[in-house]
PDB file of N, CA and C in Angstrom:
ATOM      1  N   GLY A   1     -53.669 -60.420  34.856  1.00  0.00           N
ATOM      2  CA  GLY A   1     -54.857 -59.721  35.256  1.00  0.00           C
ATOM      3  C   GLY A   1     -55.661 -59.173  34.093  1.00  0.00           C
ATOM      4  N   LEU A   2     -55.281 -59.473  32.840  1.00  0.00           N
ATOM      5  CA  LEU A   2     -56.014 -58.993  31.670  1.00  0.00           C
ATOM      6  C   LEU A   2     -57.389 -59.655  31.611  1.00  0.00           C
ATOM      7  N   ARG A   3     -58.437 -58.853  31.482  1.00  0.00           N
ATOM      8  CA  ARG A   3     -59.799 -59.385  31.388  1.00  0.00           C
ATOM      9  C   ARG A   3     -60.231 -59.434  29.929  1.00  0.00           C
ATOM     10  N   VAL A   4     -60.819 -60.556  29.545  1.00  0.00           N
ATOM     11  CA  VAL A   4     -61.311 -60.753  28.186  1.00  0.00           C
ATOM     12  C   VAL A   4     -62.670 -61.445  28.248  1.00  0.00           C
ATOM     13  N   VAL A   5     -63.381 -61.418  27.140  1.00  0.00           N
ATOM     14  CA  VAL A   5     -64.604 -62.216  27.014  1.00  0.00           C
ATOM     15  C   VAL A   5     -64.342 -63.306  25.993  1.00  0.00           C
ATOM     16  N   ASP A   6     -64.878 -64.476  26.251  1.00  0.00           N
ATOM     17  CA  ASP A   6     -64.721 -65.592  25.325  1.00  0.00           C
ATOM     18  C   ASP A   6     -65.889 -66.552  25.532  1.00  0.00           C
ATOM     19  N   LEU A   7     -65.900 -67.608  24.775  1.00  0.00           N
ATOM     20  CA  LEU A   7     -66.991 -68.569  24.820  1.00  0.00           C
ATOM     21  C   LEU A   7     -66.909 -69.433  26.078  1.00  0.00           C
ATOM     22  N   PRO A   8     -68.047 -69.696  26.716  1.00  0.00           N
ATOM     23  CA  PRO A   8     -68.044 -70.634  27.831  1.00  0.00           C
ATOM     24  C   PRO A   8     -67.444 -71.990  27.419  1.00  0.00           C
ATOM     25  N   TRP A   9     -67.610 -72.373  26.164  1.00  0.00           N
ATOM     26  CA  TRP A   9     -67.054 -73.620  25.644  1.00  0.00           C
ATOM     27  C   TRP A   9     -65.551 -73.710  25.914  1.00  0.00           C
ATOM     28  N   LEU A  10     -64.866 -72.567  25.875  1.00  0.00           N
ATOM     29  CA  LEU A  10     -63.414 -72.555  26.056  1.00  0.00           C
ATOM     30  C   LEU A  10     -62.995 -72.258  27.490  1.00  0.00           C
ATOM     31  N   ILE A  11     -63.700 -71.350  28.175  1.00  0.00           N
ATOM     32  CA  ILE A  11     -63.211 -70.934  29.492  1.00  0.00           C
ATOM     33  C   ILE A  11     -63.998 -71.516  30.664  1.00  0.00           C
ATOM     34  N   ARG A  12     -65.118 -72.156  30.370  1.00  0.00           N
ATOM     35  CA  ARG A  12     -65.911 -72.782  31.440  1.00  0.00           C
ATOM     36  C   ARG A  12     -66.335 -74.196  31.030  1.00  0.00           C
ATOM     37  N   PRO A  13     -65.374 -75.072  30.743  1.00  0.00           N
ATOM     38  CA  PRO A  13     -65.734 -76.424  30.295  1.00  0.00           C
ATOM     39  C   PRO A  13     -66.458 -77.235  31.366  1.00  0.00           C
ATOM     40  N   ASP A  14     -66.389 -76.814  32.636  1.00  0.00           N
ATOM     41  CA  ASP A  14     -67.073 -77.534  33.708  1.00  0.00           C
ATOM     42  C   ASP A  14     -68.492 -77.017  33.958  1.00  0.00           C
ATOM     43  N   ASN A  15     -68.939 -76.030  33.179  1.00  0.00           N
ATOM     44  CA  ASN A  15     -70.304 -75.519  33.276  1.00  0.00           C
ATOM     45  C   ASN A  15     -71.262 -76.610  32.800  1.00  0.00           C
ATOM     46  N   PRO A  16     -72.337 -76.899  33.559  1.00  0.00           N
ATOM     47  CA  PRO A  16     -73.272 -77.959  33.161  1.00  0.00           C
ATOM     48  C   PRO A  16     -73.839 -77.788  31.749  1.00  0.00           C
ATOM     49  N   ALA A  17     -74.067 -76.548  31.315  1.00  0.00           N
ATOM     50  CA  ALA A  17     -74.589 -76.318  29.968  1.00  0.00           C
ATOM     51  C   ALA A  17     -73.566 -76.688  28.897  1.00  0.00           C
ATOM     52  N   VAL A  18     -72.303 -76.686  29.246  1.00  0.00           N
ATOM     53  CA  VAL A  18     -71.226 -77.009  28.306  1.00  0.00           C
ATOM     54  C   VAL A  18     -70.891 -78.495  28.362  1.00  0.00           C
ATOM     55  N   MET A  19     -70.907 -79.069  29.543  1.00  0.00           N
ATOM     56  CA  MET A  19     -70.483 -80.458  29.740  1.00  0.00           C
ATOM     57  C   MET A  19     -71.362 -81.484  29.035  1.00  0.00           C
ATOM     58  N   VAL A  20     -72.602 -81.134  28.713  1.00  0.00           N
ATOM     59  CA  VAL A  20     -73.511 -82.112  28.113  1.00  0.00           C
ATOM     60  C   VAL A  20     -73.167 -82.433  26.659  1.00  0.00           C
ATOM     61  N   TYR A  21     -72.309 -81.647  26.034  1.00  0.00           N
ATOM     62  CA  TYR A  21     -71.956 -81.865  24.630  1.00  0.00           C
ATOM     63  C   TYR A  21     -70.588 -82.526  24.508  1.00  0.00           C
ATOM     64  N   PRO A  22     -70.472 -83.489  23.606  1.00  0.00           N
ATOM     65  CA  PRO A  22     -69.174 -84.166  23.450  1.00  0.00           C
ATOM     66  C   PRO A  22     -68.127 -83.243  22.845  1.00  0.00           C
ATOM     67  N   ARG A  23     -66.919 -83.440  23.261  1.00  0.00           N
ATOM     68  CA  ARG A  23     -65.779 -82.712  22.707  1.00  0.00           C
ATOM     69  C   ARG A  23     -65.245 -83.485  21.517  1.00  0.00           C
ATOM     70  N   PRO A  24     -64.721 -82.781  20.516  1.00  0.00           N
ATOM     71  CA  PRO A  24     -64.105 -83.493  19.386  1.00  0.00           C
ATOM     72  C   PRO A  24     -62.968 -84.385  19.886  1.00  0.00           C
ATOM     73  N   VAL A  25     -62.779 -85.523  19.219  1.00  0.00           N
ATOM     74  CA  VAL A  25     -61.750 -86.480  19.609  1.00  0.00           C
ATOM     75  C   VAL A  25     -60.361 -85.877  19.462  1.00  0.00           C
ATOM     76  N   ASP A  26     -60.157 -85.037  18.456  1.00  0.00           N
ATOM     77  CA  ASP A  26     -58.853 -84.427  18.193  1.00  0.00           C
ATOM     78  C   ASP A  26     -58.544 -83.397  19.277  1.00  0.00           C
ATOM     79  N   SER A  27     -57.693 -83.753  20.240  1.00  0.00           N
ATOM     80  CA  SER A  27     -57.368 -82.838  21.326  1.00  0.00           C
ATOM     81  C   SER A  27     -56.448 -81.704  20.893  1.00  0.00           C
ATOM     82  N   GLU A  28     -55.915 -81.794  19.704  1.00  0.00           N
ATOM     83  CA  GLU A  28     -55.024 -80.761  19.171  1.00  0.00           C
ATOM     84  C   GLU A  28     -55.789 -79.729  18.331  1.00  0.00           C
ATOM     85  N   GLN A  29     -57.104 -79.718  18.449  1.00  0.00           N
ATOM     86  CA  GLN A  29     -57.936 -78.830  17.646  1.00  0.00           C
ATOM     87  C   GLN A  29     -57.591 -77.362  17.931  1.00  0.00           C
ATOM     88  N   SER A  30     -57.508 -76.554  16.879  1.00  0.00           N
ATOM     89  CA  SER A  30     -57.184 -75.134  17.037  1.00  0.00           C
ATOM     90  C   SER A  30     -58.326 -74.399  17.736  1.00  0.00           C
ATOM     91  N   LEU A  31     -58.010 -73.228  18.289  1.00  0.00           N
ATOM     92  CA  LEU A  31     -59.040 -72.416  18.934  1.00  0.00           C
ATOM     93  C   LEU A  31     -60.119 -72.000  17.943  1.00  0.00           C
ATOM     94  N   THR A  32     -59.710 -71.728  16.722  1.00  0.00           N
ATOM     95  CA  THR A  32     -60.676 -71.333  15.702  1.00  0.00           C
ATOM     96  C   THR A  32     -61.675 -72.461  15.439  1.00  0.00           C
ATOM     97  N   MET A  33     -61.181 -73.693  15.313  1.00  0.00           N
ATOM     98  CA  MET A  33     -62.071 -74.825  15.079  1.00  0.00           C
ATOM     99  C   MET A  33     -62.927 -75.121  16.307  1.00  0.00           C
ATOM    100  N   SER A  34     -62.388 -74.933  17.499  1.00  0.00           N
ATOM    101  CA  SER A  34     -63.172 -75.128  18.723  1.00  0.00           C
ATOM    102  C   SER A  34     -64.322 -74.129  18.784  1.00  0.00           C
ATOM    103  N   ARG A  35     -64.041 -72.882  18.414  1.00  0.00           N
ATOM    104  CA  ARG A  35     -65.095 -71.855  18.401  1.00  0.00           C
ATOM    105  C   ARG A  35     -66.145 -72.169  17.340  1.00  0.00           C
ATOM    106  N   LEU A  36     -65.713 -72.639  16.180  1.00  0.00           N
ATOM    107  CA  LEU A  36     -66.651 -72.991  15.115  1.00  0.00           C
ATOM    108  C   LEU A  36     -67.538 -74.162  15.540  1.00  0.00           C
ATOM    109  N   TYR A  37     -66.964 -75.159  16.193  1.00  0.00           N
ATOM    110  CA  TYR A  37     -67.712 -76.304  16.691  1.00  0.00           C
ATOM    111  C   TYR A  37     -68.780 -75.838  17.689  1.00  0.00           C
ATOM    112  N   ALA A  38     -68.386 -74.962  18.626  1.00  0.00           N
ATOM    113  CA  ALA A  38     -69.328 -74.430  19.616  1.00  0.00           C
ATOM    114  C   ALA A  38     -70.436 -73.624  18.933  1.00  0.00           C
ATOM    115  N   LEU A  39     -70.078 -72.840  17.942  1.00  0.00           N
ATOM    116  CA  LEU A  39     -71.075 -72.065  17.199  1.00  0.00           C
ATOM    117  C   LEU A  39     -72.092 -72.998  16.528  1.00  0.00           C
ATOM    118  N   GLY A  40     -71.621 -74.115  16.004  1.00  0.00           N
ATOM    119  CA  GLY A  40     -72.525 -75.094  15.391  1.00  0.00           C
ATOM    120  C   GLY A  40     -73.511 -75.672  16.388  1.00  0.00           C
ATOM    121  N   ILE A  41     -73.041 -75.935  17.605  1.00  0.00           N
ATOM    122  CA  ILE A  41     -73.940 -76.455  18.645  1.00  0.00           C
ATOM    123  C   ILE A  41     -75.048 -75.449  18.917  1.00  0.00           C
ATOM    124  N   ASP A  42     -74.674 -74.187  19.139  1.00  0.00           N
ATOM    125  CA  ASP A  42     -75.689 -73.179  19.441  1.00  0.00           C
ATOM    126  C   ASP A  42     -76.570 -72.869  18.237  1.00  0.00           C
ATOM    127  N   ALA A  43     -76.020 -72.916  17.039  1.00  0.00           N
ATOM    128  CA  ALA A  43     -76.837 -72.687  15.840  1.00  0.00           C
ATOM    129  C   ALA A  43     -77.925 -73.755  15.736  1.00  0.00           C
ATOM    130  N   PHE A  44     -77.570 -74.995  16.043  1.00  0.00           N
ATOM    131  CA  PHE A  44     -78.562 -76.067  16.032  1.00  0.00           C
ATOM    132  C   PHE A  44     -79.645 -75.818  17.086  1.00  0.00           C
ATOM    133  N   LEU A  45     -79.228 -75.431  18.299  1.00  0.00           N
ATOM    134  CA  LEU A  45     -80.198 -75.174  19.370  1.00  0.00           C
ATOM    135  C   LEU A  45     -81.156 -74.042  19.002  1.00  0.00           C
ATOM    136  N   VAL A  46     -80.619 -72.973  18.426  1.00  0.00           N
ATOM    137  CA  VAL A  46     -81.461 -71.843  18.016  1.00  0.00           C
ATOM    138  C   VAL A  46     -82.416 -72.273  16.903  1.00  0.00           C
ATOM    139  N   ALA A  47     -81.911 -72.996  15.906  1.00  0.00           N
ATOM    140  CA  ALA A  47     -82.768 -73.447  14.796  1.00  0.00           C
ATOM    141  C   ALA A  47     -83.891 -74.352  15.304  1.00  0.00           C
ATOM    142  N   ARG A  48     -83.555 -75.235  16.243  1.00  0.00           N
ATOM    143  CA  ARG A  48     -84.573 -76.134  16.802  1.00  0.00           C
ATOM    144  C   ARG A  48     -85.660 -75.340  17.520  1.00  0.00           C
ATOM    145  N   GLU A  49     -85.255 -74.363  18.344  1.00  0.00           N
ATOM    146  CA  GLU A  49     -86.239 -73.552  19.068  1.00  0.00           C
ATOM    147  C   GLU A  49     -87.090 -72.709  18.115  1.00  0.00           C
ATOM    148  N   LEU A  50     -86.471 -72.175  17.066  1.00  0.00           N
ATOM    149  CA  LEU A  50     -87.233 -71.404  16.080  1.00  0.00           C
ATOM    150  C   LEU A  50     -88.291 -72.276  15.411  1.00  0.00           C
ATOM    151  N   GLY A  51     -87.951 -73.542  15.169  1.00  0.00           N
ATOM    152  CA  GLY A  51     -88.910 -74.467  14.575  1.00  0.00           C
ATOM    153  C   GLY A  51     -90.022 -74.856  15.537  1.00  0.00           C
ATOM    154  N   LEU A  52     -89.691 -74.992  16.811  1.00  0.00           N
ATOM    155  CA  LEU A  52     -90.683 -75.386  17.810  1.00  0.00           C
ATOM    156  C   LEU A  52     -91.585 -74.235  18.236  1.00  0.00           C
ATOM    157  N   ARG A  53     -91.045 -73.012  18.227  1.00  0.00           N
ATOM    158  CA  ARG A  53     -91.782 -71.838  18.712  1.00  0.00           C
ATOM    159  C   ARG A  53     -91.689 -70.685  17.716  1.00  0.00           C
ATOM    160  N   PRO A  54     -92.230 -70.835  16.544  1.00  0.00           N
ATOM    161  CA  PRO A  54     -92.096 -69.759  15.552  1.00  0.00           C
ATOM    162  C   PRO A  54     -92.605 -68.417  16.074  1.00  0.00           C
ATOM    163  N   GLY A  55     -91.752 -67.410  15.982  1.00  0.00           N
ATOM    164  CA  GLY A  55     -92.127 -66.056  16.379  1.00  0.00           C
ATOM    165  C   GLY A  55     -92.088 -65.775  17.867  1.00  0.00           C
ATOM    166  N   SER A  56     -91.844 -66.783  18.690  1.00  0.00           N
ATOM    167  CA  SER A  56     -91.830 -66.583  20.143  1.00  0.00           C
ATOM    168  C   SER A  56     -90.413 -66.322  20.649  1.00  0.00           C
ATOM    169  N   PRO A  57     -90.267 -65.472  21.654  1.00  0.00           N
ATOM    170  CA  PRO A  57     -88.944 -65.250  22.252  1.00  0.00           C
ATOM    171  C   PRO A  57     -88.537 -66.458  23.101  1.00  0.00           C
ATOM    172  N   PHE A  58     -87.228 -66.682  23.218  1.00  0.00           N
ATOM    173  CA  PHE A  58     -86.721 -67.762  24.065  1.00  0.00           C
ATOM    174  C   PHE A  58     -85.300 -67.446  24.510  1.00  0.00           C
ATOM    175  N   ILE A  59     -84.856 -68.164  25.530  1.00  0.00           N
ATOM    176  CA  ILE A  59     -83.520 -67.996  26.102  1.00  0.00           C
ATOM    177  C   ILE A  59     -82.825 -69.348  26.101  1.00  0.00           C
ATOM    178  N   ILE A  60     -81.543 -69.342  25.737  1.00  0.00           N
ATOM    179  CA  ILE A  60     -80.729 -70.557  25.756  1.00  0.00           C
ATOM    180  C   ILE A  60     -79.438 -70.262  26.502  1.00  0.00           C
ATOM    181  N   ASP A  61     -79.101 -71.127  27.439  1.00  0.00           N
ATOM    182  CA  ASP A  61     -77.790 -71.051  28.088  1.00  0.00           C
ATOM    183  C   ASP A  61     -76.872 -71.902  27.224  1.00  0.00           C
ATOM    184  N   GLY A  62     -76.301 -71.277  26.200  1.00  0.00           N
ATOM    185  CA  GLY A  62     -75.547 -72.008  25.189  1.00  0.00           C
ATOM    186  C   GLY A  62     -74.064 -72.108  25.467  1.00  0.00           C
ATOM    187  N   VAL A  63     -73.372 -72.808  24.585  1.00  0.00           N
ATOM    188  CA  VAL A  63     -71.925 -72.986  24.739  1.00  0.00           C
ATOM    189  C   VAL A  63     -71.138 -71.797  24.189  1.00  0.00           C
ATOM    190  N   THR A  64     -71.808 -70.889  23.458  1.00  0.00           N
ATOM    191  CA  THR A  64     -71.145 -69.663  23.008  1.00  0.00           C
ATOM    192  C   THR A  64     -71.511 -68.484  23.903  1.00  0.00           C
ATOM    193  N   GLY A  65     -72.412 -68.702  24.853  1.00  0.00           N
ATOM    194  CA  GLY A  65     -72.833 -67.660  25.771  1.00  0.00           C
ATOM    195  C   GLY A  65     -74.309 -67.762  26.075  1.00  0.00           C
ATOM    196  N   HIS A  66     -74.802 -66.800  26.806  1.00  0.00           N
ATOM    197  CA  HIS A  66     -76.221 -66.708  27.154  1.00  0.00           C
ATOM    198  C   HIS A  66     -76.927 -66.054  25.970  1.00  0.00           C
ATOM    199  N   LEU A  67     -77.863 -66.790  25.346  1.00  0.00           N
ATOM    200  CA  LEU A  67     -78.542 -66.304  24.144  1.00  0.00           C
ATOM    201  C   LEU A  67     -79.983 -65.931  24.458  1.00  0.00           C
ATOM    202  N   GLU A  68     -80.364 -64.727  24.061  1.00  0.00           N
ATOM    203  CA  GLU A  68     -81.752 -64.288  24.163  1.00  0.00           C
ATOM    204  C   GLU A  68     -82.221 -63.994  22.748  1.00  0.00           C
ATOM    205  N   VAL A  69     -83.249 -64.720  22.325  1.00  0.00           N
ATOM    206  CA  VAL A  69     -83.730 -64.615  20.945  1.00  0.00           C
ATOM    207  C   VAL A  69     -85.161 -64.113  20.944  1.00  0.00           C
ATOM    208  N   ASP A  70     -85.414 -63.081  20.160  1.00  0.00           N
ATOM    209  CA  ASP A  70     -86.756 -62.563  19.938  1.00  0.00           C
ATOM    210  C   ASP A  70     -86.994 -62.623  18.436  1.00  0.00           C
ATOM    211  N   ALA A  71     -87.512 -63.759  17.994  1.00  0.00           N
ATOM    212  CA  ALA A  71     -87.686 -63.987  16.557  1.00  0.00           C
ATOM    213  C   ALA A  71     -88.670 -63.002  15.933  1.00  0.00           C
ATOM    214  N   GLY A  72     -89.687 -62.609  16.693  1.00  0.00           N
ATOM    215  CA  GLY A  72     -90.676 -61.661  16.178  1.00  0.00           C
ATOM    216  C   GLY A  72     -90.055 -60.337  15.783  1.00  0.00           C
ATOM    217  N   ASN A  73     -89.063 -59.894  16.538  1.00  0.00           N
ATOM    218  CA  ASN A  73     -88.365 -58.642  16.239  1.00  0.00           C
ATOM    219  C   ASN A  73     -87.019 -58.881  15.564  1.00  0.00           C
ATOM    220  N   GLN A  74     -86.762 -60.116  15.172  1.00  0.00           N
ATOM    221  CA  GLN A  74     -85.515 -60.501  14.500  1.00  0.00           C
ATOM    222  C   GLN A  74     -84.291 -60.017  15.266  1.00  0.00           C
ATOM    223  N   ARG A  75     -84.234 -60.395  16.549  1.00  0.00           N
ATOM    224  CA  ARG A  75     -83.136 -59.959  17.407  1.00  0.00           C
ATOM    225  C   ARG A  75     -82.562 -61.157  18.154  1.00  0.00           C
ATOM    226  N   LEU A  76     -81.240 -61.250  18.145  1.00  0.00           N
ATOM    227  CA  LEU A  76     -80.519 -62.240  18.936  1.00  0.00           C
ATOM    228  C   LEU A  76     -79.443 -61.499  19.715  1.00  0.00           C
ATOM    229  N   GLN A  77     -79.445 -61.688  21.017  1.00  0.00           N
ATOM    230  CA  GLN A  77     -78.444 -61.045  21.870  1.00  0.00           C
ATOM    231  C   GLN A  77     -77.648 -62.147  22.556  1.00  0.00           C
ATOM    232  N   ARG A  78     -76.320 -61.995  22.560  1.00  0.00           N
ATOM    233  CA  ARG A  78     -75.449 -62.995  23.177  1.00  0.00           C
ATOM    234  C   ARG A  78     -74.521 -62.329  24.172  1.00  0.00           C
ATOM    235  N   ARG A  79     -74.417 -62.917  25.366  1.00  0.00           N
ATOM    236  CA  ARG A  79     -73.451 -62.476  26.374  1.00  0.00           C
ATOM    237  C   ARG A  79     -72.434 -63.590  26.565  1.00  0.00           C
ATOM    238  N   GLU A  80     -71.184 -63.259  26.323  1.00  0.00           N
ATOM    239  CA  GLU A  80     -70.116 -64.243  26.477  1.00  0.00           C
ATOM    240  C   GLU A  80     -69.695 -64.320  27.938  1.00  0.00           C
ATOM    241  N   ALA A  81     -68.815 -65.256  28.229  1.00  0.00           N
ATOM    242  CA  ALA A  81     -68.278 -65.402  29.578  1.00  0.00           C
ATOM    243  C   ALA A  81     -67.037 -64.529  29.733  1.00  0.00           C
ATOM    244  N   MET A  82     -66.858 -63.969  30.918  1.00  0.00           N
ATOM    245  CA  MET A  82     -65.699 -63.140  31.218  1.00  0.00           C
ATOM    246  C   MET A  82     -64.578 -64.029  31.743  1.00  0.00           C
ATOM    247  N   ALA A  83     -63.347 -63.750  31.320  1.00  0.00           N
ATOM    248  CA  ALA A  83     -62.181 -64.509  31.775  1.00  0.00           C
ATOM    249  C   ALA A  83     -61.071 -63.550  32.160  1.00  0.00           C
ATOM    250  N   VAL A  84     -60.149 -64.054  32.970  1.00  0.00           N
ATOM    251  CA  VAL A  84     -58.970 -63.310  33.394  1.00  0.00           C
ATOM    252  C   VAL A  84     -57.746 -64.119  33.005  1.00  0.00           C
ATOM    253  N   TYR A  85     -56.769 -63.456  32.381  1.00  0.00           N
ATOM    254  CA  TYR A  85     -55.510 -64.106  32.036  1.00  0.00           C
ATOM    255  C   TYR A  85     -54.613 -64.052  33.260  1.00  0.00           C
ATOM    256  N   ARG A  86     -54.289 -65.232  33.803  1.00  0.00           N
ATOM    257  CA  ARG A  86     -53.518 -65.304  35.044  1.00  0.00           C
ATOM    258  C   ARG A  86     -52.535 -66.476  34.954  1.00  0.00           C
ATOM    259  N   ASP A  87     -51.265 -66.218  35.185  1.00  0.00           N
ATOM    260  CA  ASP A  87     -50.224 -67.264  35.186  1.00  0.00           C
ATOM    261  C   ASP A  87     -50.212 -68.074  33.886  1.00  0.00           C
ATOM    262  N   GLY A  88     -50.400 -67.403  32.765  1.00  0.00           N
ATOM    263  CA  GLY A  88     -50.318 -68.067  31.469  1.00  0.00           C
ATOM    264  C   GLY A  88     -51.569 -68.802  31.041  1.00  0.00           C
ATOM    265  N   ASN A  89     -52.647 -68.683  31.806  1.00  0.00           N
ATOM    266  CA  ASN A  89     -53.897 -69.372  31.478  1.00  0.00           C
ATOM    267  C   ASN A  89     -55.078 -68.431  31.621  1.00  0.00           C
ATOM    268  N   PHE A  90     -56.161 -68.758  30.929  1.00  0.00           N
ATOM    269  CA  PHE A  90     -57.402 -68.025  31.101  1.00  0.00           C
ATOM    270  C   PHE A  90     -58.245 -68.744  32.133  1.00  0.00           C
ATOM    271  N   GLU A  91     -58.794 -67.990  33.073  1.00  0.00           N
ATOM    272  CA  GLU A  91     -59.654 -68.521  34.114  1.00  0.00           C
ATOM    273  C   GLU A  91     -60.961 -67.725  34.103  1.00  0.00           C
ATOM    274  N   PRO A  92     -62.071 -68.363  34.479  1.00  0.00           N
ATOM    275  CA  PRO A  92     -63.309 -67.588  34.598  1.00  0.00           C
ATOM    276  C   PRO A  92     -63.081 -66.395  35.520  1.00  0.00           C
ATOM    277  N   ALA A  93     -63.661 -65.250  35.196  1.00  0.00           N
ATOM    278  CA  ALA A  93     -63.430 -64.019  35.969  1.00  0.00           C
ATOM    279  C   ALA A  93     -63.875 -64.166  37.415  1.00  0.00           C
ATOM    280  N   ASP A  94     -64.833 -65.045  37.676  1.00  0.00           N
ATOM    281  CA  ASP A  94     -65.302 -65.207  39.052  1.00  0.00           C
ATOM    282  C   ASP A  94     -64.462 -66.204  39.847  1.00  0.00           C
ATOM    283  N   ALA A  95     -63.373 -66.727  39.243  1.00  0.00           N
ATOM    284  CA  ALA A  95     -62.505 -67.675  39.942  1.00  0.00           C
ATOM    285  C   ALA A  95     -61.383 -66.941  40.669  1.00  0.00           C
ATOM    286  N   GLY A  96     -61.009 -67.448  41.784  1.00  0.00           N
ATOM    287  CA  GLY A  96     -59.938 -67.066  42.663  1.00  0.00           C
ATOM    288  C   GLY A  96     -59.140 -65.842  42.411  1.00  0.00           C
ATOM    289  N   PRO A  97     -58.091 -65.574  43.099  1.00  0.00           N
ATOM    290  CA  PRO A  97     -57.764 -64.341  43.788  1.00  0.00           C
ATOM    291  C   PRO A  97     -58.031 -63.071  43.052  1.00  0.00           C
TER     292      PRO A  97
END
């Protein structure tokens, strides 16, 4: 029943925003490398939006969380996904019992 926050990339792999990106071939990848890979995906998305809309605010449903960027005020806010540790596994907090 322990509640934690983590990246949607790890705890919500069936989320449509997460499923569109390929997973590394190495299935034995450490959690640290998985988080770094996800961070790279979102860093690219943020950089692309900053280039397309200089100074404009935007929102991205990213693989590291829900990102709200206000480049004009130099602010980035991220909300991670909530998970519950149950039966030896992490599950999205909104999943079952």
